Amino acid sequence: AGTSFGWTSGWFGVIYPAYISQVNA
């Protein structure tokens, strides 16, 4: 689903491609 590096910390949700329907995030 995603792990923050800094720029994404605190506001970014599930990353690509985990958010698409064919994938289990």
PDB file of all heavy atoms in Angstrom:
ATOM      1  N   ALA A   1       0.820  -1.211   0.000  1.00  0.00           N
ATOM      2  CA  ALA A   1       0.000   0.000   0.000  1.00  0.00           C
ATOM      3  C   ALA A   1       0.853   1.260   0.000  1.00  0.00           C
ATOM      4  O   ALA A   1       0.388   2.324  -0.404  1.00  0.00           O
ATOM      5  CB  ALA A   1      -0.938   0.007   1.201  1.00  0.00           C
ATOM      6  N   GLY A   2       2.108   1.136   0.435  1.00  0.00           N
ATOM      7  CA  GLY A   2       3.012   2.277   0.396  1.00  0.00           C
ATOM      8  C   GLY A   2       3.679   2.552   1.726  1.00  0.00           C
ATOM      9  O   GLY A   2       3.098   2.329   2.789  1.00  0.00           O
ATOM     10  N   THR A   3       4.920   3.007   1.648  1.00  0.00           N
ATOM     11  CA  THR A   3       5.689   3.406   2.822  1.00  0.00           C
ATOM     12  C   THR A   3       6.308   4.768   2.525  1.00  0.00           C
ATOM     13  O   THR A   3       6.909   4.957   1.476  1.00  0.00           O
ATOM     14  CB  THR A   3       6.791   2.383   3.142  1.00  0.00           C
ATOM     15  OG1 THR A   3       6.196   1.088   3.296  1.00  0.00           O
ATOM     16  CG2 THR A   3       7.522   2.752   4.421  1.00  0.00           C
ATOM     17  N   SER A   4       6.158   5.718   3.432  1.00  0.00           N
ATOM     18  CA  SER A   4       6.572   7.094   3.171  1.00  0.00           C
ATOM     19  C   SER A   4       8.077   7.254   3.091  1.00  0.00           C
ATOM     20  O   SER A   4       8.825   6.616   3.834  1.00  0.00           O
ATOM     21  CB  SER A   4       6.034   8.023   4.253  1.00  0.00           C
ATOM     22  OG  SER A   4       4.654   8.207   4.113  1.00  0.00           O
ATOM     23  N   PHE A   5       8.489   8.162   2.185  1.00  0.00           N
ATOM     24  CA  PHE A   5       9.888   8.549   2.063  1.00  0.00           C
ATOM     25  C   PHE A   5      10.145   9.962   2.583  1.00  0.00           C
ATOM     26  O   PHE A   5      11.263  10.365   2.748  1.00  0.00           O
ATOM     27  CB  PHE A   5      10.316   8.502   0.590  1.00  0.00           C
ATOM     28  CG  PHE A   5      10.193   7.151  -0.026  1.00  0.00           C
ATOM     29  CD1 PHE A   5       9.325   6.935  -1.083  1.00  0.00           C
ATOM     30  CD2 PHE A   5      10.930   6.086   0.450  1.00  0.00           C
ATOM     31  CE1 PHE A   5       9.217   5.685  -1.662  1.00  0.00           C
ATOM     32  CE2 PHE A   5      10.824   4.833  -0.126  1.00  0.00           C
ATOM     33  CZ  PHE A   5       9.972   4.633  -1.185  1.00  0.00           C
ATOM     34  N   GLY A   6       9.100  10.720   2.835  1.00  0.00           N
ATOM     35  CA  GLY A   6       9.270  12.099   3.275  1.00  0.00           C
ATOM     36  C   GLY A   6       8.264  13.002   2.579  1.00  0.00           C
ATOM     37  O   GLY A   6       7.398  13.589   3.207  1.00  0.00           O
ATOM     38  N   TRP A   7       8.357  13.091   1.245  1.00  0.00           N
ATOM     39  CA  TRP A   7       7.443  13.911   0.459  1.00  0.00           C
ATOM     40  C   TRP A   7       6.010  13.422   0.607  1.00  0.00           C
ATOM     41  O   TRP A   7       5.064  14.184   0.604  1.00  0.00           O
ATOM     42  CB  TRP A   7       7.870  13.868  -1.001  1.00  0.00           C
ATOM     43  CG  TRP A   7       7.203  14.859  -1.910  1.00  0.00           C
ATOM     44  CD1 TRP A   7       7.489  16.191  -2.039  1.00  0.00           C
ATOM     45  CD2 TRP A   7       6.159  14.588  -2.860  1.00  0.00           C
ATOM     46  NE1 TRP A   7       6.691  16.756  -3.002  1.00  0.00           N
ATOM     47  CE2 TRP A   7       5.864  15.803  -3.520  1.00  0.00           C
ATOM     48  CE3 TRP A   7       5.441  13.441  -3.206  1.00  0.00           C
ATOM     49  CZ2 TRP A   7       4.891  15.909  -4.510  1.00  0.00           C
ATOM     50  CZ3 TRP A   7       4.478  13.542  -4.188  1.00  0.00           C
ATOM     51  CH2 TRP A   7       4.211  14.759  -4.834  1.00  0.00           C
ATOM     52  N   THR A   8       5.840  12.106   0.766  1.00  0.00           N
ATOM     53  CA  THR A   8       4.502  11.521   0.847  1.00  0.00           C
ATOM     54  C   THR A   8       4.003  11.399   2.281  1.00  0.00           C
ATOM     55  O   THR A   8       2.867  10.993   2.499  1.00  0.00           O
ATOM     56  CB  THR A   8       4.508  10.114   0.222  1.00  0.00           C
ATOM     57  OG1 THR A   8       5.479   9.314   0.906  1.00  0.00           O
ATOM     58  CG2 THR A   8       4.858  10.185  -1.246  1.00  0.00           C
ATOM     59  N   SER A   9       4.814  11.712   3.256  1.00  0.00           N
ATOM     60  CA  SER A   9       4.490  11.445   4.652  1.00  0.00           C
ATOM     61  C   SER A   9       3.288  12.254   5.125  1.00  0.00           C
ATOM     62  O   SER A   9       3.230  13.465   4.969  1.00  0.00           O
ATOM     63  CB  SER A   9       5.694  11.777   5.533  1.00  0.00           C
ATOM     64  OG  SER A   9       5.415  11.469   6.877  1.00  0.00           O
ATOM     65  N   GLY A  10       2.327  11.544   5.708  1.00  0.00           N
ATOM     66  CA  GLY A  10       1.221  12.190   6.390  1.00  0.00           C
ATOM     67  C   GLY A  10       0.022  12.558   5.542  1.00  0.00           C
ATOM     68  O   GLY A  10      -1.018  12.929   6.081  1.00  0.00           O
ATOM     69  N   TRP A  11       0.116  12.469   4.214  1.00  0.00           N
ATOM     70  CA  TRP A  11      -1.018  12.901   3.403  1.00  0.00           C
ATOM     71  C   TRP A  11      -1.315  11.992   2.222  1.00  0.00           C
ATOM     72  O   TRP A  11      -2.419  11.976   1.709  1.00  0.00           O
ATOM     73  CB  TRP A  11      -0.798  14.326   2.872  1.00  0.00           C
ATOM     74  CG  TRP A  11       0.343  14.436   1.902  1.00  0.00           C
ATOM     75  CD1 TRP A  11       1.646  14.614   2.209  1.00  0.00           C
ATOM     76  CD2 TRP A  11       0.283  14.347   0.475  1.00  0.00           C
ATOM     77  NE1 TRP A  11       2.419  14.642   1.073  1.00  0.00           N
ATOM     78  CE2 TRP A  11       1.601  14.494  -0.018  1.00  0.00           C
ATOM     79  CE3 TRP A  11      -0.747  14.174  -0.438  1.00  0.00           C
ATOM     80  CZ2 TRP A  11       1.905  14.458  -1.361  1.00  0.00           C
ATOM     81  CZ3 TRP A  11      -0.432  14.141  -1.793  1.00  0.00           C
ATOM     82  CH2 TRP A  11       0.869  14.284  -2.236  1.00  0.00           C
ATOM     83  N   PHE A  12      -0.336  11.191   1.803  1.00  0.00           N
ATOM     84  CA  PHE A  12      -0.539  10.355   0.616  1.00  0.00           C
ATOM     85  C   PHE A  12      -1.163   9.024   1.022  1.00  0.00           C
ATOM     86  O   PHE A  12      -0.737   8.397   1.981  1.00  0.00           O
ATOM     87  CB  PHE A  12       0.793  10.123  -0.091  1.00  0.00           C
ATOM     88  CG  PHE A  12       0.628   9.574  -1.481  1.00  0.00           C
ATOM     89  CD1 PHE A  12       0.579  10.428  -2.566  1.00  0.00           C
ATOM     90  CD2 PHE A  12       0.501   8.215  -1.705  1.00  0.00           C
ATOM     91  CE1 PHE A  12       0.414   9.937  -3.853  1.00  0.00           C
ATOM     92  CE2 PHE A  12       0.343   7.713  -2.982  1.00  0.00           C
ATOM     93  CZ  PHE A  12       0.296   8.576  -4.061  1.00  0.00           C
ATOM     94  N   GLY A  13      -2.160   8.589   0.270  1.00  0.00           N
ATOM     95  CA  GLY A  13      -2.843   7.327   0.563  1.00  0.00           C
ATOM     96  C   GLY A  13      -2.162   6.147  -0.101  1.00  0.00           C
ATOM     97  O   GLY A  13      -0.941   6.091  -0.215  1.00  0.00           O
ATOM     98  N   VAL A  14      -2.953   5.190  -0.554  1.00  0.00           N
ATOM     99  CA  VAL A  14      -2.434   3.973  -1.173  1.00  0.00           C
ATOM    100  C   VAL A  14      -1.786   4.322  -2.509  1.00  0.00           C
ATOM    101  O   VAL A  14      -2.351   5.055  -3.324  1.00  0.00           O
ATOM    102  CB  VAL A  14      -3.563   2.945  -1.359  1.00  0.00           C
ATOM    103  CG1 VAL A  14      -3.063   1.709  -2.107  1.00  0.00           C
ATOM    104  CG2 VAL A  14      -4.139   2.555  -0.005  1.00  0.00           C
ATOM    105  N   ILE A  15      -0.591   3.801  -2.743  1.00  0.00           N
ATOM    106  CA  ILE A  15       0.181   4.132  -3.933  1.00  0.00           C
ATOM    107  C   ILE A  15      -0.215   3.259  -5.123  1.00  0.00           C
ATOM    108  O   ILE A  15      -1.008   2.322  -5.002  1.00  0.00           O
ATOM    109  CB  ILE A  15       1.699   3.983  -3.666  1.00  0.00           C
ATOM    110  CG1 ILE A  15       2.060   2.514  -3.365  1.00  0.00           C
ATOM    111  CG2 ILE A  15       2.143   4.892  -2.535  1.00  0.00           C
ATOM    112  CD1 ILE A  15       3.560   2.262  -3.281  1.00  0.00           C
ATOM    113  N   TYR A  16       0.350   3.589  -6.269  1.00  0.00           N
ATOM    114  CA  TYR A  16       0.158   2.803  -7.484  1.00  0.00           C
ATOM    115  C   TYR A  16       1.230   1.709  -7.548  1.00  0.00           C
ATOM    116  O   TYR A  16       2.386   1.973  -7.221  1.00  0.00           O
ATOM    117  CB  TYR A  16       0.291   3.706  -8.722  1.00  0.00           C
ATOM    118  CG  TYR A  16      -0.165   3.040  -9.989  1.00  0.00           C
ATOM    119  CD1 TYR A  16      -1.489   3.116 -10.401  1.00  0.00           C
ATOM    120  CD2 TYR A  16       0.712   2.307 -10.762  1.00  0.00           C
ATOM    121  CE1 TYR A  16      -1.915   2.482 -11.558  1.00  0.00           C
ATOM    122  CE2 TYR A  16       0.291   1.667 -11.914  1.00  0.00           C
ATOM    123  CZ  TYR A  16      -1.020   1.758 -12.304  1.00  0.00           C
ATOM    124  OH  TYR A  16      -1.446   1.115 -13.448  1.00  0.00           O
ATOM    125  N   PRO A  17       0.895   0.464  -7.912  1.00  0.00           N
ATOM    126  CA  PRO A  17      -0.390   0.014  -8.438  1.00  0.00           C
ATOM    127  C   PRO A  17      -1.313  -0.620  -7.402  1.00  0.00           C
ATOM    128  O   PRO A  17      -2.308  -1.244  -7.772  1.00  0.00           O
ATOM    129  CB  PRO A  17       0.036  -1.039  -9.466  1.00  0.00           C
ATOM    130  CG  PRO A  17       1.230  -1.686  -8.830  1.00  0.00           C
ATOM    131  CD  PRO A  17       1.951  -0.567  -8.103  1.00  0.00           C
ATOM    132  N   ALA A  18      -0.987  -0.478  -6.105  1.00  0.00           N
ATOM    133  CA  ALA A  18      -1.774  -1.169  -5.084  1.00  0.00           C
ATOM    134  C   ALA A  18      -3.234  -0.747  -5.080  1.00  0.00           C
ATOM    135  O   ALA A  18      -4.100  -1.515  -4.656  1.00  0.00           O
ATOM    136  CB  ALA A  18      -1.152  -0.935  -3.703  1.00  0.00           C
ATOM    137  N   TYR A  19      -3.536   0.459  -5.576  1.00  0.00           N
ATOM    138  CA  TYR A  19      -4.921   0.909  -5.488  1.00  0.00           C
ATOM    139  C   TYR A  19      -5.815   0.399  -6.608  1.00  0.00           C
ATOM    140  O   TYR A  19      -7.028   0.608  -6.581  1.00  0.00           O
ATOM    141  CB  TYR A  19      -5.009   2.432  -5.366  1.00  0.00           C
ATOM    142  CG  TYR A  19      -4.584   3.267  -6.552  1.00  0.00           C
ATOM    143  CD1 TYR A  19      -5.254   3.223  -7.765  1.00  0.00           C
ATOM    144  CD2 TYR A  19      -3.532   4.167  -6.428  1.00  0.00           C
ATOM    145  CE1 TYR A  19      -4.885   4.022  -8.826  1.00  0.00           C
ATOM    146  CE2 TYR A  19      -3.150   4.989  -7.488  1.00  0.00           C
ATOM    147  CZ  TYR A  19      -3.834   4.912  -8.693  1.00  0.00           C
ATOM    148  OH  TYR A  19      -3.472   5.719  -9.746  1.00  0.00           O
ATOM    149  N   ILE A  20      -5.270  -0.267  -7.616  1.00  0.00           N
ATOM    150  CA  ILE A  20      -6.140  -0.734  -8.698  1.00  0.00           C
ATOM    151  C   ILE A  20      -6.877  -2.004  -8.274  1.00  0.00           C
ATOM    152  O   ILE A  20      -6.435  -2.750  -7.401  1.00  0.00           O
ATOM    153  CB  ILE A  20      -5.380  -0.928 -10.023  1.00  0.00           C
ATOM    154  CG1 ILE A  20      -4.404  -2.097  -9.945  1.00  0.00           C
ATOM    155  CG2 ILE A  20      -4.654   0.339 -10.421  1.00  0.00           C
ATOM    156  CD1 ILE A  20      -3.721  -2.361 -11.278  1.00  0.00           C
ATOM    157  N   SER A  21      -8.010  -2.268  -8.899  1.00  0.00           N
ATOM    158  CA  SER A  21      -8.944  -3.284  -8.403  1.00  0.00           C
ATOM    159  C   SER A  21      -8.431  -4.715  -8.524  1.00  0.00           C
ATOM    160  O   SER A  21      -8.882  -5.594  -7.779  1.00  0.00           O
ATOM    161  CB  SER A  21     -10.285  -3.156  -9.136  1.00  0.00           C
ATOM    162  OG  SER A  21     -10.124  -3.356 -10.537  1.00  0.00           O
ATOM    163  N   GLN A  22      -7.515  -4.966  -9.436  1.00  0.00           N
ATOM    164  CA  GLN A  22      -7.012  -6.334  -9.623  1.00  0.00           C
ATOM    165  C   GLN A  22      -5.997  -6.742  -8.557  1.00  0.00           C
ATOM    166  O   GLN A  22      -5.551  -7.889  -8.532  1.00  0.00           O
ATOM    167  CB  GLN A  22      -6.379  -6.473 -11.010  1.00  0.00           C
ATOM    168  CG  GLN A  22      -7.345  -6.364 -12.164  1.00  0.00           C
ATOM    169  CD  GLN A  22      -7.691  -4.931 -12.523  1.00  0.00           C
ATOM    170  OE1 GLN A  22      -7.085  -3.983 -12.015  1.00  0.00           O
ATOM    171  NE2 GLN A  22      -8.657  -4.751 -13.406  1.00  0.00           N
ATOM    172  N   VAL A  23      -5.645  -5.809  -7.684  1.00  0.00           N
ATOM    173  CA  VAL A  23      -4.578  -6.008  -6.707  1.00  0.00           C
ATOM    174  C   VAL A  23      -5.143  -6.000  -5.299  1.00  0.00           C
ATOM    175  O   VAL A  23      -6.083  -5.260  -4.996  1.00  0.00           O
ATOM    176  CB  VAL A  23      -3.528  -4.882  -6.865  1.00  0.00           C
ATOM    177  CG1 VAL A  23      -2.613  -4.801  -5.662  1.00  0.00           C
ATOM    178  CG2 VAL A  23      -2.727  -5.091  -8.140  1.00  0.00           C
ATOM    179  N   ASN A  24      -4.570  -6.815  -4.424  1.00  0.00           N
ATOM    180  CA  ASN A  24      -4.873  -6.769  -2.995  1.00  0.00           C
ATOM    181  C   ASN A  24      -3.805  -5.929  -2.316  1.00  0.00           C
ATOM    182  O   ASN A  24      -2.635  -6.321  -2.250  1.00  0.00           O
ATOM    183  CB  ASN A  24      -4.901  -8.176  -2.405  1.00  0.00           C
ATOM    184  CG  ASN A  24      -6.020  -9.008  -2.991  1.00  0.00           C
ATOM    185  OD1 ASN A  24      -7.181  -8.795  -2.689  1.00  0.00           O
ATOM    186  ND2 ASN A  24      -5.663  -9.953  -3.849  1.00  0.00           N
ATOM    187  N   ALA A  25      -4.201  -4.765  -1.820  1.00  0.00           N
ATOM    188  CA  ALA A  25      -3.269  -3.844  -1.171  1.00  0.00           C
ATOM    189  C   ALA A  25      -3.098  -4.227   0.296  1.00  0.00           C
ATOM    190  O   ALA A  25      -4.081  -4.457   1.005  1.00  0.00           O
ATOM    191  CB  ALA A  25      -3.780  -2.416  -1.286  1.00  0.00           C
TER     192      ALA A  25
END
